[in-house]
Structures are given as C-alpha cells and as structure tokens.
Amino acid sequence: MDLSQLQALIQKSTLLTNDERVYWLQSLSTMKQQHVAKLEAILSEGETIHVEEKVHQYFNTLHLV
C-alpha cells in the first residue's frame, strides 16, 4: 500500500479521533516502513472488527426485543 492509500485509510477510519488522524497523517513521513505496515494492518483489521462488533451488538439487541 502506498502512502496515499494509507492516508485515505487513516482519514476514513472510524477507529480514530480527529486528533489521532492528524497525528498519524503528520507522522507518516517520518515512520519506518515496518511501522507503516503495522499501522496499515491495525487500521485494516480494526475496521473489520469494529464492523463485526456493531453487527453482533445489533443482533443481540434483536434477541432482547
């Protein structure tokens, strides 16, 4: 993934606050490739987990009704 794609991932992430987005976008240029790869993995996996958690919560709510 190139930096422009990672920047887009950071900007659309629902896991980050606005302050965190600014921090990571500013830090990208000084990060080593291994750290960039780790950030990419965390954000990609985190989005999946976040969505799965919301779906799970939704279905739990349905069972309670």
Protein backbone atom coordinates (compact mmCIF):
# COMPACT_ATOMS: atom_id res chain seq x y z
CA MET A 1 0.00 0.00 0.00
CA ASP A 2 1.42 3.38 -0.89
CA LEU A 3 1.26 6.38 1.41
CA SER A 4 -1.67 7.99 -0.39
CA GLN A 5 -3.74 4.85 0.18
CA LEU A 6 -2.72 4.74 3.83
CA GLN A 7 -3.61 8.42 4.17
CA ALA A 8 -7.07 7.63 2.80
CA LEU A 9 -7.38 4.71 5.24
CA ILE A 10 -6.46 7.00 8.14
CA GLN A 11 -8.93 9.67 7.00
CA LYS A 12 -11.86 7.25 6.71
CA SER A 13 -11.10 5.21 9.83
CA THR A 14 -13.92 5.17 12.36
CA LEU A 15 -11.48 3.93 15.00
CA LEU A 16 -9.55 7.19 15.20
CA THR A 17 -10.50 10.52 16.65
CA ASN A 18 -9.83 13.68 14.66
CA ASP A 19 -6.74 14.40 16.78
CA GLU A 20 -5.43 10.88 16.17
CA ARG A 21 -5.99 11.27 12.42
CA VAL A 22 -3.96 14.49 12.41
CA TYR A 23 -1.19 12.86 14.43
CA TRP A 24 -0.86 9.82 12.17
CA LEU A 25 -1.07 11.86 8.97
CA GLN A 26 1.70 14.14 10.23
CA SER A 27 3.82 11.20 11.40
CA LEU A 28 3.72 9.17 8.18
CA SER A 29 6.64 10.94 6.56
CA THR A 30 8.98 10.06 9.45
CA MET A 31 7.82 6.49 10.04
CA LYS A 32 9.90 3.47 9.06
CA GLN A 33 8.37 1.06 6.55
CA GLN A 34 7.81 -1.61 9.22
CA HIS A 35 5.81 0.89 11.30
CA VAL A 36 3.79 1.98 8.27
CA ALA A 37 2.97 -1.68 7.57
CA LYS A 38 1.94 -2.22 11.20
CA LEU A 39 -0.31 0.86 11.17
CA GLU A 40 -1.90 -0.32 7.94
CA ALA A 41 -2.57 -3.77 9.42
CA ILE A 42 -4.05 -2.34 12.60
CA LEU A 43 -6.36 0.04 10.76
CA SER A 44 -7.46 -2.56 8.22
CA GLU A 45 -8.12 -5.23 10.83
CA GLY A 46 -9.62 -2.75 13.25
CA GLU A 47 -12.23 -1.63 10.75
CA THR A 48 -13.30 -5.24 10.21
CA ILE A 49 -13.50 -5.93 13.93
CA HIS A 50 -15.37 -2.68 14.54
CA VAL A 51 -17.99 -3.53 11.92
CA GLU A 52 -18.36 -7.10 13.18
CA GLU A 53 -18.83 -5.79 16.72
CA LYS A 54 -21.59 -3.44 15.59
CA VAL A 55 -23.35 -6.26 13.74
CA HIS A 56 -23.04 -8.51 16.79
CA GLN A 57 -24.48 -5.78 19.04
CA TYR A 58 -27.34 -5.24 16.61
CA PHE A 59 -28.30 -8.92 16.60
CA ASN A 60 -28.02 -9.10 20.38
CA THR A 61 -30.48 -6.22 20.58
CA LEU A 62 -32.91 -8.06 18.35
CA HIS A 63 -32.82 -11.09 20.63
CA LEU A 64 -33.73 -8.94 23.61
CA VAL A 65 -36.84 -7.49 21.99
